[in-house]
Amino acid sequence: MGAHSKQFLRRKRRNRHSLKQKSAGRSRLTVFRSGRHIYAQVIDDVSGKTVCAASTVEKDVRDQVKKCGTKEAASAVGKLVASRAVAAGVKAVVFDRGGYVYHGRVKALADAAREAGLSL
């Protein structure tokens, strides 16, 4: 395991620990970012189940955007996951950025989820 991946795992673990302290039973909106795509899911940690998910791999998101690795694609995923979460009855979540910096595509996803009605 390289130095960068060790640092990433440390940031992820540190972030997840602080979220558990602050969450107060709220569901968690978690993000995974790859070079080409971005994935988001709302997880209920009490029951250990995924409430809803959205990603740029889905056809309806790919039809909206030209490229899947952009901020526009990330905001489309944020809007979609927020609308699905609100439909499932989840209105307030904690934002789990993993080990990623809150910048660029991760920030665009979070901002779009807020605009679509989720309380982060």
N, C-alpha and C. Protein backbone atom coordinates (compact mmCIF):
# COMPACT_ATOMS: atom_id res chain seq x y z
N MET A 1 0.84 -1.17 0.00
CA MET A 1 0.00 0.00 0.00
C MET A 1 0.89 1.24 0.00
N GLY A 2 0.61 2.15 -0.92
CA GLY A 2 1.43 3.34 -1.05
C GLY A 2 1.13 4.37 0.02
N ALA A 3 1.97 5.39 0.06
CA ALA A 3 1.83 6.44 1.08
C ALA A 3 0.53 7.21 0.89
N HIS A 4 0.14 7.45 -0.39
CA HIS A 4 -1.08 8.22 -0.63
C HIS A 4 -2.32 7.46 -0.18
N SER A 5 -2.36 6.16 -0.43
CA SER A 5 -3.54 5.41 -0.03
C SER A 5 -3.61 5.26 1.49
N LYS A 6 -2.47 5.20 2.16
CA LYS A 6 -2.48 5.17 3.63
C LYS A 6 -3.03 6.47 4.19
N GLN A 7 -2.60 7.60 3.61
CA GLN A 7 -3.10 8.90 4.05
C GLN A 7 -4.60 9.02 3.79
N PHE A 8 -5.04 8.50 2.63
CA PHE A 8 -6.45 8.54 2.29
C PHE A 8 -7.26 7.75 3.32
N LEU A 9 -6.80 6.56 3.67
CA LEU A 9 -7.52 5.74 4.64
C LEU A 9 -7.54 6.38 6.02
N ARG A 10 -6.46 7.06 6.40
CA ARG A 10 -6.44 7.77 7.68
C ARG A 10 -7.45 8.90 7.70
N ARG A 11 -7.50 9.68 6.60
CA ARG A 11 -8.48 10.77 6.50
C ARG A 11 -9.90 10.22 6.55
N LYS A 12 -10.12 9.12 5.84
CA LYS A 12 -11.45 8.50 5.79
C LYS A 12 -11.87 8.03 7.18
N ARG A 13 -10.97 7.37 7.88
CA ARG A 13 -11.26 6.86 9.22
C ARG A 13 -11.52 8.01 10.19
N ARG A 14 -10.72 9.06 10.10
CA ARG A 14 -10.87 10.22 10.98
C ARG A 14 -12.21 10.92 10.72
N ASN A 15 -12.55 11.08 9.45
CA ASN A 15 -13.80 11.72 9.08
C ASN A 15 -14.99 10.89 9.54
N ARG A 16 -14.96 9.60 9.34
CA ARG A 16 -16.05 8.71 9.72
C ARG A 16 -16.25 8.70 11.23
N HIS A 17 -15.14 8.75 11.99
CA HIS A 17 -15.22 8.78 13.45
C HIS A 17 -15.90 10.06 13.93
N SER A 18 -15.52 11.19 13.37
CA SER A 18 -16.12 12.44 13.80
C SER A 18 -17.60 12.51 13.41
N LEU A 19 -17.96 11.89 12.27
CA LEU A 19 -19.36 11.86 11.88
C LEU A 19 -20.20 11.05 12.86
N LYS A 20 -19.66 9.94 13.33
CA LYS A 20 -20.40 9.11 14.27
C LYS A 20 -20.64 9.85 15.57
N GLN A 21 -19.72 10.73 15.96
CA GLN A 21 -19.90 11.52 17.18
C GLN A 21 -21.03 12.54 17.01
N LYS A 22 -21.18 13.08 15.80
CA LYS A 22 -22.11 14.18 15.56
C LYS A 22 -23.44 13.75 14.95
N SER A 23 -23.56 12.51 14.50
CA SER A 23 -24.68 12.13 13.64
C SER A 23 -26.03 12.12 14.35
N ALA A 24 -26.07 11.72 15.59
CA ALA A 24 -27.31 11.66 16.38
C ALA A 24 -28.38 10.85 15.68
N GLY A 25 -28.00 9.73 15.12
CA GLY A 25 -28.96 8.82 14.50
C GLY A 25 -29.39 9.18 13.09
N ARG A 26 -28.82 10.24 12.53
CA ARG A 26 -29.18 10.61 11.16
C ARG A 26 -28.53 9.67 10.17
N SER A 27 -29.12 9.56 9.00
CA SER A 27 -28.54 8.75 7.93
C SER A 27 -27.31 9.47 7.38
N ARG A 28 -26.52 8.74 6.60
CA ARG A 28 -25.25 9.26 6.12
C ARG A 28 -25.26 9.28 4.59
N LEU A 29 -24.96 10.44 4.01
CA LEU A 29 -24.80 10.56 2.56
C LEU A 29 -23.33 10.39 2.26
N THR A 30 -22.96 9.26 1.67
CA THR A 30 -21.56 8.97 1.43
C THR A 30 -21.24 9.06 -0.06
N VAL A 31 -20.01 9.43 -0.36
CA VAL A 31 -19.58 9.68 -1.73
C VAL A 31 -18.39 8.81 -2.07
N PHE A 32 -18.41 8.24 -3.27
CA PHE A 32 -17.22 7.58 -3.83
C PHE A 32 -16.94 8.23 -5.16
N ARG A 33 -15.70 8.61 -5.37
CA ARG A 33 -15.31 9.32 -6.57
C ARG A 33 -14.23 8.52 -7.28
N SER A 34 -14.45 8.19 -8.53
CA SER A 34 -13.40 7.57 -9.33
C SER A 34 -12.99 8.56 -10.41
N GLY A 35 -12.09 8.16 -11.26
CA GLY A 35 -11.64 9.06 -12.32
C GLY A 35 -12.73 9.39 -13.31
N ARG A 36 -13.60 8.44 -13.59
CA ARG A 36 -14.64 8.63 -14.59
C ARG A 36 -16.03 8.90 -14.03
N HIS A 37 -16.32 8.39 -12.86
CA HIS A 37 -17.68 8.45 -12.33
C HIS A 37 -17.70 8.94 -10.89
N ILE A 38 -18.91 9.25 -10.41
CA ILE A 38 -19.12 9.59 -9.02
C ILE A 38 -20.38 8.87 -8.54
N TYR A 39 -20.32 8.35 -7.34
CA TYR A 39 -21.39 7.55 -6.77
C TYR A 39 -21.79 8.16 -5.43
N ALA A 40 -23.07 8.13 -5.12
CA ALA A 40 -23.55 8.63 -3.83
C ALA A 40 -24.62 7.68 -3.32
N GLN A 41 -24.62 7.45 -2.02
CA GLN A 41 -25.68 6.64 -1.42
C GLN A 41 -26.00 7.15 -0.04
N VAL A 42 -27.26 6.99 0.33
CA VAL A 42 -27.72 7.35 1.66
C VAL A 42 -27.84 6.05 2.45
N ILE A 43 -27.11 5.98 3.56
CA ILE A 43 -27.03 4.76 4.36
C ILE A 43 -27.61 5.03 5.74
N ASP A 44 -28.49 4.13 6.18
CA ASP A 44 -29.02 4.18 7.54
C ASP A 44 -28.11 3.29 8.39
N ASP A 45 -27.27 3.90 9.22
CA ASP A 45 -26.29 3.14 9.99
C ASP A 45 -26.92 2.34 11.13
N VAL A 46 -28.11 2.73 11.57
CA VAL A 46 -28.76 2.00 12.65
C VAL A 46 -29.16 0.61 12.17
N SER A 47 -29.79 0.55 10.99
CA SER A 47 -30.20 -0.74 10.45
C SER A 47 -29.14 -1.35 9.53
N GLY A 48 -28.16 -0.55 9.12
CA GLY A 48 -27.11 -1.05 8.24
C GLY A 48 -27.56 -1.26 6.81
N LYS A 49 -28.56 -0.49 6.37
CA LYS A 49 -29.11 -0.66 5.02
C LYS A 49 -28.94 0.61 4.21
N THR A 50 -28.83 0.44 2.89
CA THR A 50 -28.77 1.56 1.97
C THR A 50 -30.20 1.99 1.66
N VAL A 51 -30.50 3.26 1.93
CA VAL A 51 -31.84 3.79 1.70
C VAL A 51 -32.04 4.05 0.21
N CYS A 52 -31.07 4.74 -0.41
CA CYS A 52 -31.14 5.01 -1.84
C CYS A 52 -29.74 5.30 -2.35
N ALA A 53 -29.60 5.27 -3.66
CA ALA A 53 -28.29 5.51 -4.27
C ALA A 53 -28.48 6.14 -5.64
N ALA A 54 -27.43 6.78 -6.12
CA ALA A 54 -27.42 7.35 -7.47
C ALA A 54 -25.98 7.44 -7.93
N SER A 55 -25.77 7.36 -9.22
CA SER A 55 -24.41 7.47 -9.76
C SER A 55 -24.46 7.91 -11.21
N THR A 56 -23.31 8.24 -11.75
CA THR A 56 -23.22 8.63 -13.15
C THR A 56 -23.24 7.42 -14.07
N VAL A 57 -23.26 6.23 -13.52
CA VAL A 57 -23.34 5.03 -14.34
C VAL A 57 -24.78 4.83 -14.85
N GLU A 58 -25.76 5.38 -14.12
CA GLU A 58 -27.16 5.23 -14.49
C GLU A 58 -27.47 5.95 -15.79
N LYS A 59 -28.36 5.36 -16.57
CA LYS A 59 -28.66 5.87 -17.89
C LYS A 59 -29.29 7.26 -17.87
N ASP A 60 -30.21 7.52 -16.93
CA ASP A 60 -30.87 8.81 -16.91
C ASP A 60 -29.92 9.95 -16.57
N VAL A 61 -28.87 9.67 -15.79
CA VAL A 61 -27.86 10.70 -15.49
C VAL A 61 -26.96 10.89 -16.70
N ARG A 62 -26.58 9.79 -17.35
CA ARG A 62 -25.71 9.89 -18.53
C ARG A 62 -26.38 10.63 -19.67
N ASP A 63 -27.72 10.55 -19.74
CA ASP A 63 -28.44 11.28 -20.79
C ASP A 63 -28.44 12.78 -20.54
N GLN A 64 -28.33 13.19 -19.26
CA GLN A 64 -28.35 14.61 -18.92
C GLN A 64 -27.02 15.30 -19.17
N VAL A 65 -25.91 14.59 -19.00
CA VAL A 65 -24.59 15.22 -19.05
C VAL A 65 -23.77 14.68 -20.20
N LYS A 66 -22.79 15.48 -20.64
CA LYS A 66 -21.92 15.04 -21.72
C LYS A 66 -20.85 14.09 -21.21
N LYS A 67 -20.14 14.50 -20.15
CA LYS A 67 -19.10 13.67 -19.55
C LYS A 67 -19.47 13.36 -18.12
N CYS A 68 -19.10 12.17 -17.66
CA CYS A 68 -19.50 11.72 -16.32
C CYS A 68 -18.52 12.15 -15.23
N GLY A 69 -17.33 12.62 -15.56
CA GLY A 69 -16.35 12.98 -14.55
C GLY A 69 -16.25 14.46 -14.30
N THR A 70 -17.37 15.18 -14.46
CA THR A 70 -17.35 16.63 -14.32
C THR A 70 -18.19 17.08 -13.13
N LYS A 71 -18.09 18.38 -12.81
CA LYS A 71 -18.89 18.94 -11.73
C LYS A 71 -20.37 18.93 -12.06
N GLU A 72 -20.72 19.12 -13.35
CA GLU A 72 -22.13 19.09 -13.74
C GLU A 72 -22.72 17.71 -13.49
N ALA A 73 -21.94 16.68 -13.79
CA ALA A 73 -22.41 15.31 -13.55
C ALA A 73 -22.57 15.05 -12.07
N ALA A 74 -21.64 15.57 -11.26
CA ALA A 74 -21.72 15.39 -9.82
C ALA A 74 -22.95 16.09 -9.26
N SER A 75 -23.27 17.27 -9.76
CA SER A 75 -24.46 17.97 -9.26
C SER A 75 -25.73 17.26 -9.70
N ALA A 76 -25.72 16.64 -10.88
CA ALA A 76 -26.89 15.86 -11.32
C ALA A 76 -27.10 14.66 -10.40
N VAL A 77 -26.02 14.01 -9.99
CA VAL A 77 -26.11 12.88 -9.06
C VAL A 77 -26.60 13.37 -7.70
N GLY A 78 -26.12 14.53 -7.26
CA GLY A 78 -26.56 15.08 -5.98
C GLY A 78 -28.05 15.37 -5.95
N LYS A 79 -28.57 15.96 -7.04
CA LYS A 79 -30.00 16.23 -7.12
C LYS A 79 -30.80 14.94 -7.12
N LEU A 80 -30.32 13.95 -7.87
CA LEU A 80 -31.05 12.68 -7.98
C LEU A 80 -31.08 11.93 -6.66
N VAL A 81 -29.93 11.85 -5.97
CA VAL A 81 -29.91 11.12 -4.70
C VAL A 81 -30.74 11.85 -3.64
N ALA A 82 -30.75 13.17 -3.69
CA ALA A 82 -31.55 13.93 -2.72
C ALA A 82 -33.05 13.72 -2.97
N SER A 83 -33.46 13.73 -4.22
CA SER A 83 -34.87 13.52 -4.51
C SER A 83 -35.30 12.11 -4.12
N ARG A 84 -34.44 11.13 -4.33
CA ARG A 84 -34.76 9.76 -3.94
C ARG A 84 -34.81 9.62 -2.42
N ALA A 85 -33.92 10.31 -1.73
CA ALA A 85 -33.90 10.24 -0.27
C ALA A 85 -35.15 10.88 0.32
N VAL A 86 -35.54 12.03 -0.20
CA VAL A 86 -36.74 12.71 0.29
C VAL A 86 -37.97 11.85 0.01
N ALA A 87 -38.00 11.18 -1.14
CA ALA A 87 -39.12 10.29 -1.46
C ALA A 87 -39.15 9.09 -0.51
N ALA A 88 -37.97 8.68 -0.02
CA ALA A 88 -37.90 7.55 0.92
C ALA A 88 -38.14 7.99 2.36
N GLY A 89 -38.33 9.30 2.58
CA GLY A 89 -38.63 9.79 3.92
C GLY A 89 -37.44 10.28 4.70
N VAL A 90 -36.29 10.44 4.07
CA VAL A 90 -35.09 10.94 4.75
C VAL A 90 -34.90 12.40 4.35
N LYS A 91 -34.92 13.29 5.34
CA LYS A 91 -34.78 14.71 5.05
C LYS A 91 -33.46 15.29 5.57
N ALA A 92 -32.91 14.69 6.63
CA ALA A 92 -31.68 15.20 7.23
C ALA A 92 -30.63 14.09 7.23
N VAL A 93 -29.45 14.42 6.73
CA VAL A 93 -28.34 13.46 6.67
C VAL A 93 -27.06 14.14 7.12
N VAL A 94 -26.04 13.34 7.40
CA VAL A 94 -24.70 13.88 7.59
C VAL A 94 -23.91 13.54 6.33
N PHE A 95 -23.06 14.45 5.90
CA PHE A 95 -22.33 14.28 4.65
C PHE A 95 -21.00 13.61 4.93
N ASP A 96 -20.82 12.41 4.40
CA ASP A 96 -19.59 11.65 4.55
C ASP A 96 -18.78 11.79 3.26
N ARG A 97 -17.75 12.62 3.31
CA ARG A 97 -16.93 12.85 2.13
C ARG A 97 -15.86 11.78 1.98
N GLY A 98 -15.78 10.86 2.92
CA GLY A 98 -14.74 9.82 2.87
C GLY A 98 -13.40 10.45 3.13
N GLY A 99 -12.42 10.11 2.34
CA GLY A 99 -11.10 10.70 2.49
C GLY A 99 -10.86 11.81 1.50
N TYR A 100 -11.91 12.18 0.75
CA TYR A 100 -11.77 13.20 -0.29
C TYR A 100 -11.83 14.59 0.32
N VAL A 101 -11.18 15.53 -0.32
CA VAL A 101 -11.22 16.93 0.08
C VAL A 101 -12.56 17.50 -0.34
N TYR A 102 -13.16 18.34 0.50
CA TYR A 102 -14.44 18.96 0.19
C TYR A 102 -14.20 20.07 -0.82
N HIS A 103 -14.11 19.69 -2.09
CA HIS A 103 -13.74 20.60 -3.16
C HIS A 103 -14.13 19.96 -4.47
N GLY A 104 -14.41 20.75 -5.48
CA GLY A 104 -14.65 20.22 -6.82
C GLY A 104 -15.92 19.40 -6.91
N ARG A 105 -15.78 18.17 -7.40
CA ARG A 105 -16.95 17.31 -7.63
C ARG A 105 -17.67 16.93 -6.35
N VAL A 106 -16.92 16.72 -5.27
CA VAL A 106 -17.53 16.35 -3.99
C VAL A 106 -18.38 17.51 -3.47
N LYS A 107 -17.86 18.73 -3.55
CA LYS A 107 -18.59 19.91 -3.11
C LYS A 107 -19.80 20.16 -4.00
N ALA A 108 -19.66 19.95 -5.31
CA ALA A 108 -20.78 20.15 -6.23
C ALA A 108 -21.92 19.19 -5.92
N LEU A 109 -21.59 17.95 -5.58
CA LEU A 109 -22.61 16.97 -5.22
C LEU A 109 -23.34 17.40 -3.95
N ALA A 110 -22.59 17.84 -2.94
CA ALA A 110 -23.20 18.25 -1.68
C ALA A 110 -24.09 19.48 -1.86
N ASP A 111 -23.63 20.45 -2.63
CA ASP A 111 -24.42 21.66 -2.85
C ASP A 111 -25.73 21.34 -3.60
N ALA A 112 -25.64 20.46 -4.59
CA ALA A 112 -26.85 20.08 -5.35
C ALA A 112 -27.82 19.31 -4.47
N ALA A 113 -27.32 18.49 -3.57
CA ALA A 113 -28.20 17.76 -2.65
C ALA A 113 -28.91 18.72 -1.71
N ARG A 114 -28.21 19.76 -1.26
CA ARG A 114 -28.83 20.77 -0.40
C ARG A 114 -29.95 21.50 -1.16
N GLU A 115 -29.64 21.88 -2.41
CA GLU A 115 -30.64 22.61 -3.21
C GLU A 115 -31.89 21.77 -3.47
N ALA A 116 -31.69 20.44 -3.57
CA ALA A 116 -32.82 19.55 -3.89
C ALA A 116 -33.63 19.18 -2.66
N GLY A 117 -33.26 19.69 -1.48
CA GLY A 117 -34.11 19.49 -0.32
C GLY A 117 -33.54 18.70 0.83
N LEU A 118 -32.32 18.20 0.70
CA LEU A 118 -31.71 17.49 1.82
C LEU A 118 -31.07 18.47 2.76
N SER A 119 -31.16 18.20 4.04
CA SER A 119 -30.50 19.03 5.05
C SER A 119 -29.19 18.35 5.42
N LEU A 120 -28.06 18.95 5.04
CA LEU A 120 -26.74 18.36 5.33
C LEU A 120 -26.13 19.05 6.54
